[in-house]
Amino acid sequence: MQGILLIDHGSRVLEANRTLEELAGLVRSRAGDAVVVAHAHMELASPSIEEAVEALVERGVSDLVAVPCMLAPGRHATHDIPRIVGEAAARCGISARISGPLGAHDLLAELVIVRAGLPPRV
């Protein structure tokens, strides 16, 4: 079964961590029943990446895509997350790959327009 794991930095601020949980719920509602969607934090909050990978495996995931919910390809997105996910996936005996960070993307540009209070282009 396919799994998607959304990963952010993590925060001591509960509301900040809830935002990733809410995003995971939105992705879950759009991904369909054949995909298991979860979230994890690199540090400061739970679930950790390791905990989330183990929980996904318990739910039948054997093929995981981790999505760094970071804007740019900084150290966390390019080094830390791939290392932690890779180690956890290897321990659990599943395949895993890491997507690129959110980055400069047309859909993200549209979101910036909406957040700025401007009408989206059609």
PDB file of N, CA and C in Angstrom:
ATOM      1  N   MET A   1       0.841  -1.175   0.000  1.00  0.00           N
ATOM      2  CA  MET A   1       0.000   0.000   0.000  1.00  0.00           C
ATOM      3  C   MET A   1       0.887   1.238   0.000  1.00  0.00           C
ATOM      4  N   GLN A   2       0.432   2.266  -0.680  1.00  0.00           N
ATOM      5  CA  GLN A   2       1.145   3.542  -0.786  1.00  0.00           C
ATOM      6  C   GLN A   2       0.885   4.400   0.451  1.00  0.00           C
ATOM      7  N   GLY A   3       1.912   5.091   0.916  1.00  0.00           N
ATOM      8  CA  GLY A   3       1.775   6.020   2.025  1.00  0.00           C
ATOM      9  C   GLY A   3       2.405   7.351   1.686  1.00  0.00           C
ATOM     10  N   ILE A   4       1.827   8.412   2.221  1.00  0.00           N
ATOM     11  CA  ILE A   4       2.386   9.759   2.102  1.00  0.00           C
ATOM     12  C   ILE A   4       2.610  10.270   3.514  1.00  0.00           C
ATOM     13  N   LEU A   5       3.821  10.741   3.778  1.00  0.00           N
ATOM     14  CA  LEU A   5       4.162  11.282   5.088  1.00  0.00           C
ATOM     15  C   LEU A   5       4.572  12.735   4.933  1.00  0.00           C
ATOM     16  N   LEU A   6       3.758  13.636   5.469  1.00  0.00           N
ATOM     17  CA  LEU A   6       4.074  15.063   5.461  1.00  0.00           C
ATOM     18  C   LEU A   6       4.952  15.359   6.670  1.00  0.00           C
ATOM     19  N   ILE A   7       6.057  16.061   6.451  1.00  0.00           N
ATOM     20  CA  ILE A   7       7.012  16.311   7.529  1.00  0.00           C
ATOM     21  C   ILE A   7       7.325  17.799   7.613  1.00  0.00           C
ATOM     22  N   ASP A   8       7.213  18.344   8.829  1.00  0.00           N
ATOM     23  CA  ASP A   8       7.656  19.714   9.066  1.00  0.00           C
ATOM     24  C   ASP A   8       8.728  19.717  10.151  1.00  0.00           C
ATOM     25  N   HIS A   9       9.162  20.901  10.533  1.00  0.00           N
ATOM     26  CA  HIS A   9      10.220  21.016  11.535  1.00  0.00           C
ATOM     27  C   HIS A   9       9.729  20.588  12.907  1.00  0.00           C
ATOM     28  N   GLY A  10       8.519  21.009  13.257  1.00  0.00           N
ATOM     29  CA  GLY A  10       8.003  20.785  14.607  1.00  0.00           C
ATOM     30  C   GLY A  10       8.185  22.046  15.430  1.00  0.00           C
ATOM     31  N   SER A  11       7.322  22.221  16.413  1.00  0.00           N
ATOM     32  CA  SER A  11       7.327  23.444  17.209  1.00  0.00           C
ATOM     33  C   SER A  11       6.885  23.150  18.629  1.00  0.00           C
ATOM     34  N   ARG A  12       7.280  24.020  19.540  1.00  0.00           N
ATOM     35  CA  ARG A  12       6.758  23.942  20.905  1.00  0.00           C
ATOM     36  C   ARG A  12       5.344  24.533  20.976  1.00  0.00           C
ATOM     37  N   VAL A  13       4.950  25.242  19.914  1.00  0.00           N
ATOM     38  CA  VAL A  13       3.634  25.873  19.840  1.00  0.00           C
ATOM     39  C   VAL A  13       2.645  24.856  19.265  1.00  0.00           C
ATOM     40  N   LEU A  14       1.700  24.442  20.090  1.00  0.00           N
ATOM     41  CA  LEU A  14       0.755  23.395  19.705  1.00  0.00           C
ATOM     42  C   LEU A  14       0.005  23.733  18.421  1.00  0.00           C
ATOM     43  N   GLU A  15      -0.443  24.966  18.286  1.00  0.00           N
ATOM     44  CA  GLU A  15      -1.214  25.361  17.110  1.00  0.00           C
ATOM     45  C   GLU A  15      -0.390  25.220  15.827  1.00  0.00           C
ATOM     46  N   ALA A  16       0.886  25.493  15.909  1.00  0.00           N
ATOM     47  CA  ALA A  16       1.749  25.329  14.734  1.00  0.00           C
ATOM     48  C   ALA A  16       1.782  23.870  14.304  1.00  0.00           C
ATOM     49  N   ASN A  17       1.852  22.971  15.254  1.00  0.00           N
ATOM     50  CA  ASN A  17       1.868  21.542  14.932  1.00  0.00           C
ATOM     51  C   ASN A  17       0.521  21.066  14.409  1.00  0.00           C
ATOM     52  N   ARG A  18      -0.546  21.655  14.901  1.00  0.00           N
ATOM     53  CA  ARG A  18      -1.886  21.271  14.429  1.00  0.00           C
ATOM     54  C   ARG A  18      -2.085  21.608  12.962  1.00  0.00           C
ATOM     55  N   THR A  19      -1.411  22.636  12.491  1.00  0.00           N
ATOM     56  CA  THR A  19      -1.547  23.022  11.088  1.00  0.00           C
ATOM     57  C   THR A  19      -1.121  21.888  10.165  1.00  0.00           C
ATOM     58  N   LEU A  20      -0.028  21.218  10.494  1.00  0.00           N
ATOM     59  CA  LEU A  20       0.409  20.088   9.667  1.00  0.00           C
ATOM     60  C   LEU A  20      -0.595  18.947   9.745  1.00  0.00           C
ATOM     61  N   GLU A  21      -1.147  18.726  10.916  1.00  0.00           N
ATOM     62  CA  GLU A  21      -2.166  17.683  11.077  1.00  0.00           C
ATOM     63  C   GLU A  21      -3.389  17.992  10.212  1.00  0.00           C
ATOM     64  N   GLU A  22      -3.790  19.260  10.180  1.00  0.00           N
ATOM     65  CA  GLU A  22      -4.924  19.667   9.345  1.00  0.00           C
ATOM     66  C   GLU A  22      -4.605  19.481   7.863  1.00  0.00           C
ATOM     67  N   LEU A  23      -3.386  19.842   7.470  1.00  0.00           N
ATOM     68  CA  LEU A  23      -2.989  19.654   6.074  1.00  0.00           C
ATOM     69  C   LEU A  23      -3.017  18.175   5.705  1.00  0.00           C
ATOM     70  N   ALA A  24      -2.542  17.330   6.599  1.00  0.00           N
ATOM     71  CA  ALA A  24      -2.584  15.885   6.342  1.00  0.00           C
ATOM     72  C   ALA A  24      -4.024  15.423   6.137  1.00  0.00           C
ATOM     73  N   GLY A  25      -4.947  15.967   6.906  1.00  0.00           N
ATOM     74  CA  GLY A  25      -6.355  15.620   6.733  1.00  0.00           C
ATOM     75  C   GLY A  25      -6.882  16.036   5.370  1.00  0.00           C
ATOM     76  N   LEU A  26      -6.491  17.216   4.916  1.00  0.00           N
ATOM     77  CA  LEU A  26      -6.913  17.674   3.590  1.00  0.00           C
ATOM     78  C   LEU A  26      -6.326  16.786   2.492  1.00  0.00           C
ATOM     79  N   VAL A  27      -5.055  16.439   2.622  1.00  0.00           N
ATOM     80  CA  VAL A  27      -4.428  15.550   1.636  1.00  0.00           C
ATOM     81  C   VAL A  27      -5.120  14.191   1.660  1.00  0.00           C
ATOM     82  N   ARG A  28      -5.393  13.699   2.848  1.00  0.00           N
ATOM     83  CA  ARG A  28      -6.062  12.398   3.010  1.00  0.00           C
ATOM     84  C   ARG A  28      -7.404  12.393   2.276  1.00  0.00           C
ATOM     85  N   SER A  29      -8.161  13.464   2.406  1.00  0.00           N
ATOM     86  CA  SER A  29      -9.490  13.511   1.787  1.00  0.00           C
ATOM     87  C   SER A  29      -9.415  13.552   0.265  1.00  0.00           C
ATOM     88  N   ARG A  30      -8.284  13.999  -0.271  1.00  0.00           N
ATOM     89  CA  ARG A  30      -8.131  14.079  -1.722  1.00  0.00           C
ATOM     90  C   ARG A  30      -7.376  12.892  -2.318  1.00  0.00           C
ATOM     91  N   ALA A  31      -6.621  12.173  -1.505  1.00  0.00           N
ATOM     92  CA  ALA A  31      -5.749  11.111  -2.019  1.00  0.00           C
ATOM     93  C   ALA A  31      -6.490   9.817  -2.312  1.00  0.00           C
ATOM     94  N   GLY A  32      -7.597   9.585  -1.662  1.00  0.00           N
ATOM     95  CA  GLY A  32      -8.352   8.359  -1.894  1.00  0.00           C
ATOM     96  C   GLY A  32      -7.995   7.262  -0.916  1.00  0.00           C
ATOM     97  N   ASP A  33      -8.788   6.216  -0.935  1.00  0.00           N
ATOM     98  CA  ASP A  33      -8.662   5.130   0.037  1.00  0.00           C
ATOM     99  C   ASP A  33      -7.423   4.263  -0.152  1.00  0.00           C
ATOM    100  N   ALA A  34      -6.828   4.287  -1.324  1.00  0.00           N
ATOM    101  CA  ALA A  34      -5.668   3.429  -1.581  1.00  0.00           C
ATOM    102  C   ALA A  34      -4.367   4.019  -1.044  1.00  0.00           C
ATOM    103  N   VAL A  35      -4.435   5.228  -0.478  1.00  0.00           N
ATOM    104  CA  VAL A  35      -3.247   5.910   0.037  1.00  0.00           C
ATOM    105  C   VAL A  35      -3.461   6.223   1.511  1.00  0.00           C
ATOM    106  N   VAL A  36      -2.460   5.903   2.331  1.00  0.00           N
ATOM    107  CA  VAL A  36      -2.502   6.228   3.756  1.00  0.00           C
ATOM    108  C   VAL A  36      -1.675   7.494   3.954  1.00  0.00           C
ATOM    109  N   VAL A  37      -2.271   8.512   4.554  1.00  0.00           N
ATOM    110  CA  VAL A  37      -1.602   9.801   4.748  1.00  0.00           C
ATOM    111  C   VAL A  37      -1.374  10.031   6.234  1.00  0.00           C
ATOM    112  N   ALA A  38      -0.163  10.467   6.568  1.00  0.00           N
ATOM    113  CA  ALA A  38       0.181  10.759   7.959  1.00  0.00           C
ATOM    114  C   ALA A  38       1.073  11.997   7.998  1.00  0.00           C
ATOM    115  N   HIS A  39       1.342  12.450   9.205  1.00  0.00           N
ATOM    116  CA  HIS A  39       2.227  13.603   9.384  1.00  0.00           C
ATOM    117  C   HIS A  39       3.242  13.299  10.475  1.00  0.00           C
ATOM    118  N   ALA A  40       4.351  14.046  10.454  1.00  0.00           N
ATOM    119  CA  ALA A  40       5.395  13.885  11.463  1.00  0.00           C
ATOM    120  C   ALA A  40       6.169  15.188  11.592  1.00  0.00           C
ATOM    121  N   HIS A  41       6.838  15.305  12.723  1.00  0.00           N
ATOM    122  CA  HIS A  41       7.662  16.480  12.996  1.00  0.00           C
ATOM    123  C   HIS A  41       9.106  16.033  13.194  1.00  0.00           C
ATOM    124  N   MET A  42      10.040  16.827  12.682  1.00  0.00           N
ATOM    125  CA  MET A  42      11.457  16.486  12.843  1.00  0.00           C
ATOM    126  C   MET A  42      11.876  16.506  14.303  1.00  0.00           C
ATOM    127  N   GLU A  43      11.379  17.486  15.040  1.00  0.00           N
ATOM    128  CA  GLU A  43      11.761  17.616  16.444  1.00  0.00           C
ATOM    129  C   GLU A  43      10.725  18.443  17.186  1.00  0.00           C
ATOM    130  N   LEU A  44      10.839  18.484  18.485  1.00  0.00           N
ATOM    131  CA  LEU A  44      10.042  19.329  19.374  1.00  0.00           C
ATOM    132  C   LEU A  44       8.589  18.903  19.544  1.00  0.00           C
ATOM    133  N   ALA A  45       8.111  17.951  18.765  1.00  0.00           N
ATOM    134  CA  ALA A  45       6.711  17.535  18.858  1.00  0.00           C
ATOM    135  C   ALA A  45       6.582  16.100  18.362  1.00  0.00           C
ATOM    136  N   SER A  46       5.456  15.518  18.672  1.00  0.00           N
ATOM    137  CA  SER A  46       5.205  14.165  18.185  1.00  0.00           C
ATOM    138  C   SER A  46       3.972  14.186  17.286  1.00  0.00           C
ATOM    139  N   PRO A  47       3.870  13.243  16.388  1.00  0.00           N
ATOM    140  CA  PRO A  47       4.737  12.085  16.246  1.00  0.00           C
ATOM    141  C   PRO A  47       6.059  12.453  15.574  1.00  0.00           C
ATOM    142  N   SER A  48       7.106  11.745  15.958  1.00  0.00           N
ATOM    143  CA  SER A  48       8.395  11.888  15.291  1.00  0.00           C
ATOM    144  C   SER A  48       8.320  11.175  13.942  1.00  0.00           C
ATOM    145  N   ILE A  49       9.322  11.383  13.132  1.00  0.00           N
ATOM    146  CA  ILE A  49       9.366  10.691  11.843  1.00  0.00           C
ATOM    147  C   ILE A  49       9.395   9.183  12.057  1.00  0.00           C
ATOM    148  N   GLU A  50      10.215   8.738  12.988  1.00  0.00           N
ATOM    149  CA  GLU A  50      10.323   7.306  13.257  1.00  0.00           C
ATOM    150  C   GLU A  50       8.984   6.723  13.710  1.00  0.00           C
ATOM    151  N   GLU A  51       8.304   7.428  14.617  1.00  0.00           N
ATOM    152  CA  GLU A  51       6.995   6.959  15.104  1.00  0.00           C
ATOM    153  C   GLU A  51       5.984   6.888  13.969  1.00  0.00           C
ATOM    154  N   ALA A  52       5.987   7.903  13.117  1.00  0.00           N
ATOM    155  CA  ALA A  52       5.023   7.940  12.016  1.00  0.00           C
ATOM    156  C   ALA A  52       5.290   6.830  11.003  1.00  0.00           C
ATOM    157  N   VAL A  53       6.556   6.578  10.686  1.00  0.00           N
ATOM    158  CA  VAL A  53       6.874   5.499   9.745  1.00  0.00           C
ATOM    159  C   VAL A  53       6.414   4.162  10.316  1.00  0.00           C
ATOM    160  N   GLU A  54       6.689   3.921  11.583  1.00  0.00           N
ATOM    161  CA  GLU A  54       6.250   2.668  12.211  1.00  0.00           C
ATOM    162  C   GLU A  54       4.730   2.533  12.175  1.00  0.00           C
ATOM    163  N   ALA A  55       4.016   3.625  12.446  1.00  0.00           N
ATOM    164  CA  ALA A  55       2.548   3.589  12.418  1.00  0.00           C
ATOM    165  C   ALA A  55       2.032   3.326  11.003  1.00  0.00           C
ATOM    166  N   LEU A  56       2.683   3.898  10.005  1.00  0.00           N
ATOM    167  CA  LEU A  56       2.276   3.656   8.621  1.00  0.00           C
ATOM    168  C   LEU A  56       2.472   2.189   8.244  1.00  0.00           C
ATOM    169  N   VAL A  57       3.579   1.617   8.666  1.00  0.00           N
ATOM    170  CA  VAL A  57       3.833   0.196   8.388  1.00  0.00           C
ATOM    171  C   VAL A  57       2.765  -0.665   9.052  1.00  0.00           C
ATOM    172  N   GLU A  58       2.392  -0.321  10.276  1.00  0.00           N
ATOM    173  CA  GLU A  58       1.331  -1.062  10.976  1.00  0.00           C
ATOM    174  C   GLU A  58       0.007  -0.981  10.229  1.00  0.00           C
ATOM    175  N   ARG A  59      -0.179   0.075   9.448  1.00  0.00           N
ATOM    176  CA  ARG A  59      -1.411   0.241   8.665  1.00  0.00           C
ATOM    177  C   ARG A  59      -1.285  -0.359   7.269  1.00  0.00           C
ATOM    178  N   GLY A  60      -0.182  -1.051   6.998  1.00  0.00           N
ATOM    179  CA  GLY A  60      -0.039  -1.756   5.736  1.00  0.00           C
ATOM    180  C   GLY A  60       0.775  -1.064   4.666  1.00  0.00           C
ATOM    181  N   VAL A  61       1.389   0.062   4.990  1.00  0.00           N
ATOM    182  CA  VAL A  61       2.178   0.783   3.987  1.00  0.00           C
ATOM    183  C   VAL A  61       3.486   0.043   3.729  1.00  0.00           C
ATOM    184  N   SER A  62       3.788  -0.151   2.448  1.00  0.00           N
ATOM    185  CA  SER A  62       5.057  -0.773   2.056  1.00  0.00           C
ATOM    186  C   SER A  62       5.855   0.118   1.110  1.00  0.00           C
ATOM    187  N   ASP A  63       5.214   1.169   0.610  1.00  0.00           N
ATOM    188  CA  ASP A  63       5.846   2.102  -0.331  1.00  0.00           C
ATOM    189  C   ASP A  63       5.524   3.514   0.137  1.00  0.00           C
ATOM    190  N   LEU A  64       6.532   4.223   0.622  1.00  0.00           N
ATOM    191  CA  LEU A  64       6.323   5.514   1.277  1.00  0.00           C
ATOM    192  C   LEU A  64       6.933   6.656   0.477  1.00  0.00           C
ATOM    193  N   VAL A  65       6.186   7.750   0.381  1.00  0.00           N
ATOM    194  CA  VAL A  65       6.712   9.002  -0.149  1.00  0.00           C
ATOM    195  C   VAL A  65       6.650  10.015   0.984  1.00  0.00           C
ATOM    196  N   ALA A  66       7.808  10.552   1.362  1.00  0.00           N
ATOM    197  CA  ALA A  66       7.871  11.585   2.389  1.00  0.00           C
ATOM    198  C   ALA A  66       7.938  12.940   1.702  1.00  0.00           C
ATOM    199  N   VAL A  67       7.110  13.866   2.169  1.00  0.00           N
ATOM    200  CA  VAL A  67       7.040  15.195   1.573  1.00  0.00           C
ATOM    201  C   VAL A  67       7.493  16.221   2.606  1.00  0.00           C
ATOM    202  N   PRO A  68       8.674  16.814   2.420  1.00  0.00           N
ATOM    203  CA  PRO A  68       9.110  17.862   3.338  1.00  0.00           C
ATOM    204  C   PRO A  68       8.241  19.108   3.150  1.00  0.00           C
ATOM    205  N   CYS A  69       7.534  19.484   4.182  1.00  0.00           N
ATOM    206  CA  CYS A  69       6.683  20.674   4.106  1.00  0.00           C
ATOM    207  C   CYS A  69       7.522  21.897   4.465  1.00  0.00           C
ATOM    208  N   MET A  70       8.509  22.107   3.638  1.00  0.00           N
ATOM    209  CA  MET A  70       9.444  23.217   3.753  1.00  0.00           C
ATOM    210  C   MET A  70       9.396  23.944   2.411  1.00  0.00           C
ATOM    211  N   LEU A  71       9.661  25.228   2.425  1.00  0.00           N
ATOM    212  CA  LEU A  71       9.594  25.979   1.183  1.00  0.00           C
ATOM    213  C   LEU A  71      10.816  25.741   0.297  1.00  0.00           C
ATOM    214  N   ALA A  72      11.994  25.766   0.886  1.00  0.00           N
ATOM    215  CA  ALA A  72      13.227  25.716   0.105  1.00  0.00           C
ATOM    216  C   ALA A  72      14.007  24.428   0.370  1.00  0.00           C
ATOM    217  N   PRO A  73      14.921  24.095  -0.529  1.00  0.00           N
ATOM    218  CA  PRO A  73      15.734  22.894  -0.348  1.00  0.00           C
ATOM    219  C   PRO A  73      16.908  23.129   0.605  1.00  0.00           C
ATOM    220  N   GLY A  74      16.597  23.463   1.831  1.00  0.00           N
ATOM    221  CA  GLY A  74      17.625  23.669   2.849  1.00  0.00           C
ATOM    222  C   GLY A  74      18.100  22.354   3.437  1.00  0.00           C
ATOM    223  N   ARG A  75      18.878  22.456   4.494  1.00  0.00           N
ATOM    224  CA  ARG A  75      19.507  21.280   5.102  1.00  0.00           C
ATOM    225  C   ARG A  75      18.483  20.239   5.564  1.00  0.00           C
ATOM    226  N   HIS A  76      17.403  20.670   6.195  1.00  0.00           N
ATOM    227  CA  HIS A  76      16.412  19.695   6.661  1.00  0.00           C
ATOM    228  C   HIS A  76      15.819  18.913   5.490  1.00  0.00           C
ATOM    229  N   ALA A  77      15.425  19.637   4.437  1.00  0.00           N
ATOM    230  CA  ALA A  77      14.760  18.986   3.299  1.00  0.00           C
ATOM    231  C   ALA A  77      15.703  18.111   2.480  1.00  0.00           C
ATOM    232  N   THR A  78      16.973  18.489   2.412  1.00  0.00           N
ATOM    233  CA  THR A  78      17.889  17.758   1.533  1.00  0.00           C
ATOM    234  C   THR A  78      18.784  16.756   2.252  1.00  0.00           C
ATOM    235  N   HIS A  79      18.944  16.903   3.570  1.00  0.00           N
ATOM    236  CA  HIS A  79      19.837  15.999   4.296  1.00  0.00           C
ATOM    237  C   HIS A  79      19.149  15.286   5.461  1.00  0.00           C
ATOM    238  N   ASP A  80      18.608  16.074   6.384  1.00  0.00           N
ATOM    239  CA  ASP A  80      18.084  15.497   7.627  1.00  0.00           C
ATOM    240  C   ASP A  80      16.879  14.590   7.386  1.00  0.00           C
ATOM    241  N   ILE A  81      15.885  15.098   6.673  1.00  0.00           N
ATOM    242  CA  ILE A  81      14.677  14.302   6.430  1.00  0.00           C
ATOM    243  C   ILE A  81      14.992  13.042   5.622  1.00  0.00           C
ATOM    244  N   PRO A  82      15.751  13.139   4.517  1.00  0.00           N
ATOM    245  CA  PRO A  82      16.080  11.898   3.800  1.00  0.00           C
ATOM    246  C   PRO A  82      16.823  10.878   4.672  1.00  0.00           C
ATOM    247  N   ARG A  83      17.722  11.346   5.514  1.00  0.00           N
ATOM    248  CA  ARG A  83      18.465  10.422   6.376  1.00  0.00           C
ATOM    249  C   ARG A  83      17.544   9.744   7.381  1.00  0.00           C
ATOM    250  N   ILE A  84      16.723  10.535   8.076  1.00  0.00           N
ATOM    251  CA  ILE A  84      15.853   9.979   9.118  1.00  0.00           C
ATOM    252  C   ILE A  84      14.813   9.043   8.514  1.00  0.00           C
ATOM    253  N   VAL A  85      14.189   9.462   7.417  1.00  0.00           N
ATOM    254  CA  VAL A  85      13.188   8.611   6.758  1.00  0.00           C
ATOM    255  C   VAL A  85      13.845   7.341   6.233  1.00  0.00           C
ATOM    256  N   GLY A  86      15.009   7.479   5.613  1.00  0.00           N
ATOM    257  CA  GLY A  86      15.706   6.314   5.071  1.00  0.00           C
ATOM    258  C   GLY A  86      16.048   5.293   6.139  1.00  0.00           C
ATOM    259  N   GLU A  87      16.537   5.774   7.281  1.00  0.00           N
ATOM    260  CA  GLU A  87      16.873   4.861   8.378  1.00  0.00           C
ATOM    261  C   GLU A  87      15.629   4.167   8.923  1.00  0.00           C
ATOM    262  N   ALA A  88      14.550   4.935   9.114  1.00  0.00           N
ATOM    263  CA  ALA A  88      13.311   4.353   9.647  1.00  0.00           C
ATOM    264  C   ALA A  88      12.713   3.348   8.666  1.00  0.00           C
ATOM    265  N   ALA A  89      12.722   3.683   7.385  1.00  0.00           N
ATOM    266  CA  ALA A  89      12.175   2.773   6.371  1.00  0.00           C
ATOM    267  C   ALA A  89      12.996   1.489   6.301  1.00  0.00           C
ATOM    268  N   ALA A  90      14.308   1.612   6.372  1.00  0.00           N
ATOM    269  CA  ALA A  90      15.168   0.422   6.330  1.00  0.00           C
ATOM    270  C   ALA A  90      14.904  -0.479   7.534  1.00  0.00           C
ATOM    271  N   ARG A  91      14.756   0.117   8.714  1.00  0.00           N
ATOM    272  CA  ARG A  91      14.451  -0.673   9.915  1.00  0.00           C
ATOM    273  C   ARG A  91      13.130  -1.412   9.774  1.00  0.00           C
ATOM    274  N   CYS A  92      12.173  -0.769   9.102  1.00  0.00           N
ATOM    275  CA  CYS A  92      10.834  -1.360   8.962  1.00  0.00           C
ATOM    276  C   CYS A  92      10.704  -2.230   7.713  1.00  0.00           C
ATOM    277  N   GLY A  93      11.722  -2.244   6.863  1.00  0.00           N
ATOM    278  CA  GLY A  93      11.691  -3.088   5.676  1.00  0.00           C
ATOM    279  C   GLY A  93      10.772  -2.608   4.571  1.00  0.00           C
ATOM    280  N   ILE A  94      10.629  -1.287   4.422  1.00  0.00           N
ATOM    281  CA  ILE A  94       9.790  -0.747   3.352  1.00  0.00           C
ATOM    282  C   ILE A  94      10.626   0.141   2.444  1.00  0.00           C
ATOM    283  N   SER A  95      10.087   0.431   1.266  1.00  0.00           N
ATOM    284  CA  SER A  95      10.754   1.369   0.366  1.00  0.00           C
ATOM    285  C   SER A  95      10.258   2.777   0.676  1.00  0.00           C
ATOM    286  N   ALA A  96      11.145   3.743   0.488  1.00  0.00           N
ATOM    287  CA  ALA A  96      10.775   5.135   0.747  1.00  0.00           C
ATOM    288  C   ALA A  96      11.537   6.039  -0.202  1.00  0.00           C
ATOM    289  N   ARG A  97      10.879   7.096  -0.597  1.00  0.00           N
ATOM    290  CA  ARG A  97      11.549   8.143  -1.362  1.00  0.00           C
ATOM    291  C   ARG A  97      11.110   9.482  -0.790  1.00  0.00           C
ATOM    292  N   ILE A  98      11.899  10.507  -1.057  1.00  0.00           N
ATOM    293  CA  ILE A  98      11.627  11.841  -0.541  1.00  0.00           C
ATOM    294  C   ILE A  98      11.301  12.737  -1.724  1.00  0.00           C
ATOM    295  N   SER A  99      10.187  13.439  -1.657  1.00  0.00           N
ATOM    296  CA  SER A  99       9.873  14.403  -2.706  1.00  0.00           C
ATOM    297  C   SER A  99      10.717  15.655  -2.472  1.00  0.00           C
ATOM    298  N   GLY A 100      10.689  16.547  -3.419  1.00  0.00           N
ATOM    299  CA  GLY A 100      11.320  17.842  -3.208  1.00  0.00           C
ATOM    300  C   GLY A 100      10.486  18.661  -2.233  1.00  0.00           C
ATOM    301  N   PRO A 101      11.047  19.749  -1.718  1.00  0.00           N
ATOM    302  CA  PRO A 101      10.265  20.631  -0.851  1.00  0.00           C
ATOM    303  C   PRO A 101       9.167  21.319  -1.671  1.00  0.00           C
ATOM    304  N   LEU A 102       8.319  22.070  -1.006  1.00  0.00           N
ATOM    305  CA  LEU A 102       7.197  22.705  -1.695  1.00  0.00           C
ATOM    306  C   LEU A 102       7.679  23.611  -2.818  1.00  0.00           C
ATOM    307  N   GLY A 103       8.692  24.415  -2.564  1.00  0.00           N
ATOM    308  CA  GLY A 103       9.375  25.181  -3.597  1.00  0.00           C
ATOM    309  C   GLY A 103       8.531  26.200  -4.336  1.00  0.00           C
ATOM    310  N   ALA A 104       9.105  26.702  -5.407  1.00  0.00           N
ATOM    311  CA  ALA A 104       8.430  27.672  -6.265  1.00  0.00           C
ATOM    312  C   ALA A 104       7.562  26.883  -7.247  1.00  0.00           C
ATOM    313  N   HIS A 105       6.269  26.942  -7.048  1.00  0.00           N
ATOM    314  CA  HIS A 105       5.332  26.151  -7.849  1.00  0.00           C
ATOM    315  C   HIS A 105       4.120  27.019  -8.164  1.00  0.00           C
ATOM    316  N   ASP A 106       3.523  26.805  -9.326  1.00  0.00           N
ATOM    317  CA  ASP A 106       2.360  27.601  -9.724  1.00  0.00           C
ATOM    318  C   ASP A 106       1.244  27.557  -8.687  1.00  0.00           C
ATOM    319  N   LEU A 107       0.977  26.393  -8.126  1.00  0.00           N
ATOM    320  CA  LEU A 107      -0.097  26.283  -7.137  1.00  0.00           C
ATOM    321  C   LEU A 107       0.228  27.063  -5.865  1.00  0.00           C
ATOM    322  N   LEU A 108       1.489  27.084  -5.479  1.00  0.00           N
ATOM    323  CA  LEU A 108       1.895  27.861  -4.306  1.00  0.00           C
ATOM    324  C   LEU A 108       1.800  29.358  -4.602  1.00  0.00           C
ATOM    325  N   ALA A 109       2.122  29.750  -5.821  1.00  0.00           N
ATOM    326  CA  ALA A 109       1.979  31.152  -6.216  1.00  0.00           C
ATOM    327  C   ALA A 109       0.517  31.586  -6.129  1.00  0.00           C
ATOM    328  N   GLU A 110      -0.389  30.712  -6.548  1.00  0.00           N
ATOM    329  CA  GLU A 110      -1.819  31.024  -6.432  1.00  0.00           C
ATOM    330  C   GLU A 110      -2.228  31.187  -4.974  1.00  0.00           C
ATOM    331  N   LEU A 111      -1.695  30.348  -4.107  1.00  0.00           N
ATOM    332  CA  LEU A 111      -1.995  30.461  -2.681  1.00  0.00           C
ATOM    333  C   LEU A 111      -1.505  31.796  -2.125  1.00  0.00           C
ATOM    334  N   VAL A 112      -0.333  32.252  -2.547  1.00  0.00           N
ATOM    335  CA  VAL A 112       0.178  33.552  -2.102  1.00  0.00           C
ATOM    336  C   VAL A 112      -0.785  34.657  -2.522  1.00  0.00           C
ATOM    337  N   ILE A 113      -1.291  34.584  -3.741  1.00  0.00           N
ATOM    338  CA  ILE A 113      -2.259  35.577  -4.230  1.00  0.00           C
ATOM    339  C   ILE A 113      -3.502  35.578  -3.342  1.00  0.00           C
ATOM    340  N   VAL A 114      -4.021  34.398  -3.042  1.00  0.00           N
ATOM    341  CA  VAL A 114      -5.214  34.272  -2.194  1.00  0.00           C
ATOM    342  C   VAL A 114      -4.932  34.810  -0.793  1.00  0.00           C
ATOM    343  N   ARG A 115      -3.789  34.438  -0.207  1.00  0.00           N
ATOM    344  CA  ARG A 115      -3.439  34.900   1.141  1.00  0.00           C
ATOM    345  C   ARG A 115      -3.266  36.417   1.185  1.00  0.00           C
ATOM    346  N   ALA A 116      -2.857  37.008   0.055  1.00  0.00           N
ATOM    347  CA  ALA A 116      -2.700  38.460  -0.021  1.00  0.00           C
ATOM    348  C   ALA A 116      -4.038  39.168  -0.202  1.00  0.00           C
ATOM    349  N   GLY A 117      -5.105  38.383  -0.372  1.00  0.00           N
ATOM    350  CA  GLY A 117      -6.436  38.961  -0.510  1.00  0.00           C
ATOM    351  C   GLY A 117      -6.775  39.406  -1.915  1.00  0.00           C
ATOM    352  N   LEU A 118      -6.009  38.962  -2.880  1.00  0.00           N
ATOM    353  CA  LEU A 118      -6.273  39.312  -4.265  1.00  0.00           C
ATOM    354  C   LEU A 118      -7.096  38.209  -4.913  1.00  0.00           C
ATOM    355  N   PRO A 119      -7.858  38.541  -5.943  1.00  0.00           N
ATOM    356  CA  PRO A 119      -8.643  37.491  -6.604  1.00  0.00           C
ATOM    357  C   PRO A 119      -7.718  36.557  -7.384  1.00  0.00           C
ATOM    358  N   PRO A 120      -7.947  35.243  -7.273  1.00  0.00           N
ATOM    359  CA  PRO A 120      -7.118  34.302  -8.032  1.00  0.00           C
ATOM    360  C   PRO A 120      -7.379  34.432  -9.520  1.00  0.00           C
ATOM    361  N   ARG A 121      -6.357  34.184 -10.317  1.00  0.00           N
ATOM    362  CA  ARG A 121      -6.520  34.189 -11.774  1.00  0.00           C
ATOM    363  C   ARG A 121      -7.171  32.887 -12.191  1.00  0.00           C
ATOM    364  N   VAL A 122      -7.966  32.961 -13.221  1.00  0.00           N
ATOM    365  CA  VAL A 122      -8.608  31.743 -13.727  1.00  0.00           C
ATOM    366  C   VAL A 122      -7.945  31.222 -14.960  1.00  0.00           C
TER     367      VAL A 122
END
